[in-house]
Amino acid sequence: MGSPIEVSANEPEGDFKSNAEGGNFFKDVPRQIMALTRKNFILAYRNRTATFLRIFASFFFVLLIFLVNLGVQARFAADPYFKNLPSPPRTVIPGIPACVPKSGVTFCITFAYAPAPDTSGAGVNPTADYATLGAFTAATGCPSSLCAEMFRVHRIVRRIMANNAVAGSPAPVAAEAIPADRVLGFSSAAAMDEFLFKNPNTVQAGYIFTAPDDITTTFVVQLNSTAVQIRGSYDR
């Protein structure tokens, strides 16, 4: 029989010793960081075009937005809707201009108002004059607690409609008497707001009246200031 074969189980010297045993952890980490940084710098230098685009892509995007904004400002520089006018010039308006339909709307209301004897929620047209509160109550069936105020507001609205054609200073849109079908009355400000939300760009303005007696009358104006673009120009 042959002699037995001896197998050496000696471990390699030093190459695989842990950093903790050698005590070189704090020396190796900076060396590795510097090596990786140098490697990434070399790769970035070799791909200079891609590196340049990655660095300056956000800058070019912001520059593009800035140039587009300058173009929009130059396009509408003369439009008053895009101007900051701390002291706008005064414009004399002889009367309430007629509502002109815009943005696909075929019919619009010159003004709406509240309160009025409306029970449908769709608005009521003030078509007639009433000499007394009793005649108004009998014709409209308004609530007894609100009928007196509604009657006072109704008379004011009818006078506005009739006197709108009174001559004043010239205006781009000539004032004329407002027909009843271009005026809508609502039972409350909330009912009027609900109609305005459901029918955008159909009412030129709204008036919320408060008339507790024959002497005191106050009102709040709601103006439709939505700007509509028509053939490249903005209008209301």
Protein backbone atom coordinates (compact mmCIF):
# COMPACT_ATOMS: atom_id res chain seq x y z
CA MET A 1 0.00 0.00 0.00
CA GLY A 2 1.18 3.52 -0.70
CA SER A 3 1.97 6.06 1.94
CA PRO A 4 -0.91 8.34 3.09
CA ILE A 5 -1.31 11.76 1.45
CA GLU A 6 -1.02 14.71 3.80
CA VAL A 7 -3.38 17.64 3.21
CA SER A 8 -2.34 21.06 4.46
CA ALA A 9 -5.08 23.10 6.12
CA ASN A 10 -3.01 26.22 6.63
CA GLU A 11 -4.96 29.53 6.25
CA PRO A 12 -3.64 32.25 3.95
CA GLU A 13 -1.49 34.85 5.54
CA GLY A 14 -2.75 38.39 6.21
CA ASP A 15 -4.75 39.11 3.00
CA PHE A 16 -8.10 38.19 4.48
CA LYS A 17 -7.67 39.61 7.94
CA SER A 18 -10.49 41.79 9.08
CA ASN A 19 -10.10 45.54 9.30
CA ALA A 20 -10.93 45.34 12.95
CA GLU A 21 -7.89 43.07 13.53
CA GLY A 22 -5.63 45.24 11.42
CA GLY A 23 -7.04 48.51 12.77
CA ASN A 24 -7.21 50.14 9.25
CA PHE A 25 -10.96 50.96 9.06
CA PHE A 26 -10.61 54.74 9.34
CA LYS A 27 -7.79 54.72 6.82
CA ASP A 28 -9.54 52.53 4.23
CA VAL A 29 -12.85 54.45 4.13
CA PRO A 30 -11.35 57.79 2.95
CA ARG A 31 -9.25 55.91 0.38
CA GLN A 32 -12.33 54.14 -0.99
CA ILE A 33 -14.31 57.39 -1.12
CA MET A 34 -11.52 59.12 -3.02
CA ALA A 35 -11.23 56.17 -5.41
CA LEU A 36 -14.97 56.13 -6.16
CA THR A 37 -15.04 59.91 -6.57
CA ARG A 38 -12.13 59.79 -9.00
CA LYS A 39 -13.79 56.95 -10.90
CA ASN A 40 -17.11 58.85 -11.21
CA PHE A 41 -15.27 62.00 -12.29
CA ILE A 42 -13.45 60.09 -15.02
CA LEU A 43 -16.72 58.52 -16.24
CA ALA A 44 -18.46 61.90 -16.22
CA TYR A 45 -15.57 63.45 -18.16
CA ARG A 46 -15.69 60.71 -20.77
CA ASN A 47 -19.45 61.31 -21.24
CA ARG A 48 -19.21 65.09 -21.21
CA THR A 49 -22.34 65.65 -23.32
CA ALA A 50 -24.62 63.56 -21.10
CA THR A 51 -23.10 65.11 -17.97
CA PHE A 52 -23.69 68.61 -19.29
CA LEU A 53 -27.33 67.85 -20.10
CA ARG A 54 -27.96 66.33 -16.68
CA ILE A 55 -26.50 69.36 -14.90
CA PHE A 56 -28.16 72.08 -16.97
CA ALA A 57 -31.50 70.43 -17.92
CA SER A 58 -33.39 72.14 -15.08
CA PHE A 59 -31.80 75.49 -15.96
CA PHE A 60 -32.94 75.24 -19.59
CA PHE A 61 -36.45 74.23 -18.48
CA VAL A 62 -36.75 77.26 -16.18
CA LEU A 63 -35.37 79.48 -18.95
CA LEU A 64 -38.02 78.16 -21.36
CA ILE A 65 -40.82 78.94 -18.88
CA PHE A 66 -39.38 82.43 -18.37
CA LEU A 67 -39.30 83.12 -22.12
CA VAL A 68 -42.87 81.86 -22.57
CA ASN A 69 -44.01 84.16 -19.75
CA LEU A 70 -42.28 87.11 -21.40
CA GLY A 71 -44.05 86.29 -24.66
CA VAL A 72 -47.47 86.16 -22.97
CA GLN A 73 -46.85 89.47 -21.20
CA ALA A 74 -45.76 91.11 -24.46
CA ARG A 75 -48.83 89.71 -26.27
CA PHE A 76 -51.31 91.12 -23.74
CA ALA A 77 -49.35 94.18 -22.57
CA ALA A 78 -52.08 96.55 -23.76
CA ASP A 79 -54.97 94.51 -22.32
CA PRO A 80 -56.35 96.10 -19.11
CA TYR A 81 -57.22 92.66 -17.69
CA PHE A 82 -53.48 91.91 -17.44
CA LYS A 83 -52.39 95.32 -16.15
CA ASN A 84 -51.77 96.45 -12.61
CA LEU A 85 -53.75 99.70 -12.44
CA PRO A 86 -53.45 101.22 -8.95
CA SER A 87 -55.15 104.42 -10.22
CA PRO A 88 -57.38 103.43 -13.15
CA PRO A 89 -58.97 106.18 -15.25
CA ARG A 90 -62.59 107.02 -14.54
CA THR A 91 -65.16 105.90 -17.08
CA VAL A 92 -68.62 107.45 -17.19
CA ILE A 93 -71.36 104.87 -17.74
CA PRO A 94 -74.77 106.39 -18.56
CA GLY A 95 -76.68 103.21 -17.75
CA ILE A 96 -76.50 99.46 -17.37
CA PRO A 97 -75.25 98.03 -20.68
CA ALA A 98 -77.18 95.17 -22.25
CA CYS A 99 -75.76 91.73 -21.61
CA VAL A 100 -73.95 90.36 -24.66
CA PRO A 101 -73.82 86.52 -24.86
CA LYS A 102 -70.30 85.09 -24.95
CA SER A 103 -68.53 81.75 -24.90
CA GLY A 104 -71.25 79.72 -26.61
CA VAL A 105 -74.12 81.17 -24.53
CA THR A 106 -77.11 82.10 -26.70
CA PHE A 107 -78.98 84.19 -24.14
CA CYS A 108 -77.93 86.11 -21.06
CA ILE A 109 -79.51 88.17 -18.28
CA THR A 110 -78.65 91.84 -17.86
CA PHE A 111 -79.01 91.65 -14.09
CA ALA A 112 -80.50 89.47 -11.37
CA TYR A 113 -81.73 90.62 -7.99
CA ALA A 114 -83.02 89.44 -4.62
CA PRO A 115 -85.38 89.29 -2.83
CA ALA A 116 -88.28 88.64 -5.19
CA PRO A 117 -91.50 86.57 -5.05
CA ASP A 118 -89.96 83.51 -6.71
CA THR A 119 -90.95 80.00 -5.64
CA SER A 120 -89.53 77.99 -8.54
CA GLY A 121 -85.83 78.68 -7.97
CA ALA A 122 -85.44 79.49 -11.67
CA GLY A 123 -86.15 83.19 -11.19
CA VAL A 124 -89.12 85.42 -11.95
CA ASN A 125 -89.34 88.28 -14.46
CA PRO A 126 -90.65 91.60 -13.09
CA THR A 127 -93.19 92.18 -15.85
CA ALA A 128 -95.75 94.49 -14.21
CA ASP A 129 -96.07 97.54 -11.96
CA TYR A 130 -98.26 97.42 -8.85
CA ALA A 131 -99.74 100.49 -7.23
CA THR A 132 -100.26 99.00 -3.78
CA LEU A 133 -98.85 96.28 -1.57
CA GLY A 134 -102.19 94.48 -1.64
CA ALA A 135 -102.17 94.26 -5.42
CA PHE A 136 -98.60 92.98 -5.36
CA THR A 137 -99.44 90.36 -2.73
CA ALA A 138 -102.51 89.16 -4.60
CA ALA A 139 -100.66 88.88 -7.90
CA THR A 140 -97.47 87.21 -6.67
CA GLY A 141 -98.53 85.24 -3.59
CA CYS A 142 -95.39 86.27 -1.72
CA PRO A 143 -94.88 85.27 1.95
CA SER A 144 -96.59 87.72 4.29
CA SER A 145 -93.46 88.25 6.41
CA LEU A 146 -91.36 89.22 3.37
CA CYS A 147 -93.94 90.71 1.05
CA ALA A 148 -93.47 94.33 2.14
CA GLU A 149 -89.73 94.28 1.48
CA MET A 150 -90.19 92.41 -1.80
CA PHE A 151 -92.72 95.03 -2.90
CA ARG A 152 -90.29 97.87 -2.17
CA VAL A 153 -87.49 96.07 -4.04
CA HIS A 154 -89.83 95.33 -6.96
CA ARG A 155 -90.66 99.02 -7.36
CA ILE A 156 -86.96 99.94 -7.29
CA VAL A 157 -86.14 97.31 -9.93
CA ARG A 158 -88.95 98.46 -12.20
CA ARG A 159 -87.71 102.05 -11.98
CA ILE A 160 -84.16 100.96 -12.79
CA MET A 161 -85.45 99.12 -15.85
CA ALA A 162 -87.48 102.10 -17.08
CA ASN A 163 -84.94 104.84 -16.27
CA ASN A 164 -81.93 103.03 -17.70
CA ALA A 165 -82.43 104.87 -21.00
CA VAL A 166 -82.10 108.32 -19.40
CA ALA A 167 -79.45 110.17 -21.37
CA GLY A 168 -76.01 110.66 -19.83
CA SER A 169 -72.51 110.90 -21.18
CA PRO A 170 -71.79 108.90 -24.33
CA ALA A 171 -70.61 105.34 -23.81
CA PRO A 172 -69.43 102.55 -26.11
CA VAL A 173 -72.71 100.72 -25.46
CA ALA A 174 -75.76 102.99 -25.61
CA ALA A 175 -78.07 102.66 -22.61
CA GLU A 176 -81.64 101.61 -23.25
CA ALA A 177 -84.65 100.49 -21.26
CA ILE A 178 -84.14 96.99 -19.92
CA PRO A 179 -86.82 94.50 -21.01
CA ALA A 180 -88.38 92.29 -18.35
CA ASP A 181 -87.12 89.08 -19.94
CA ARG A 182 -83.54 90.26 -19.30
CA VAL A 183 -84.10 90.60 -15.54
CA LEU A 184 -84.49 87.75 -13.05
CA GLY A 185 -85.60 87.97 -9.43
CA PHE A 186 -84.85 85.34 -6.77
CA SER A 187 -86.27 84.76 -3.33
CA SER A 188 -82.91 85.14 -1.57
CA ALA A 189 -79.23 85.75 -2.17
CA ALA A 190 -78.57 82.03 -1.68
CA ALA A 191 -81.09 81.12 -4.40
CA MET A 192 -79.48 83.63 -6.75
CA ASP A 193 -75.99 82.25 -6.03
CA GLU A 194 -77.21 78.72 -6.72
CA PHE A 195 -78.57 79.82 -10.10
CA LEU A 196 -75.29 81.60 -10.93
CA PHE A 197 -73.24 78.49 -10.13
CA LYS A 198 -75.49 76.26 -12.23
CA ASN A 199 -75.57 78.73 -15.15
CA PRO A 200 -72.09 80.27 -15.52
CA ASN A 201 -71.63 83.31 -17.76
CA THR A 202 -75.36 83.83 -18.24
CA VAL A 203 -75.85 86.74 -15.80
CA GLN A 204 -74.01 90.03 -16.19
CA ALA A 205 -74.49 91.24 -12.60
CA GLY A 206 -76.57 90.66 -9.51
CA TYR A 207 -78.05 93.01 -6.89
CA ILE A 208 -78.85 91.94 -3.34
CA PHE A 209 -81.23 94.53 -1.89
CA THR A 210 -82.08 95.26 1.72
CA ALA A 211 -85.12 97.53 2.14
CA PRO A 212 -86.43 97.35 5.71
CA ASP A 213 -88.55 100.49 5.22
CA ASP A 214 -89.52 103.08 2.61
CA ILE A 215 -86.58 105.33 3.50
CA THR A 216 -83.66 102.92 3.88
CA THR A 217 -82.46 100.87 0.92
CA THR A 218 -79.03 99.32 0.56
CA PHE A 219 -77.67 96.86 -1.97
CA VAL A 220 -74.64 94.72 -2.77
CA VAL A 221 -73.45 94.30 -6.36
CA GLN A 222 -72.17 90.98 -7.69
CA LEU A 223 -70.30 91.48 -10.97
CA ASN A 224 -69.37 88.75 -13.42
CA SER A 225 -65.71 89.57 -14.10
CA THR A 226 -64.87 86.33 -15.94
CA ALA A 227 -62.51 87.09 -18.83
CA VAL A 228 -63.33 85.16 -22.01
CA GLN A 229 -60.91 84.75 -24.90
CA ILE A 230 -62.55 85.50 -28.24
CA ARG A 231 -60.40 85.28 -31.38
CA GLY A 232 -57.19 85.88 -29.45
CA SER A 233 -58.52 88.80 -27.38
CA TYR A 234 -59.89 88.75 -23.85
CA ASP A 235 -63.24 90.32 -23.09
CA ARG A 236 -65.91 90.22 -20.38
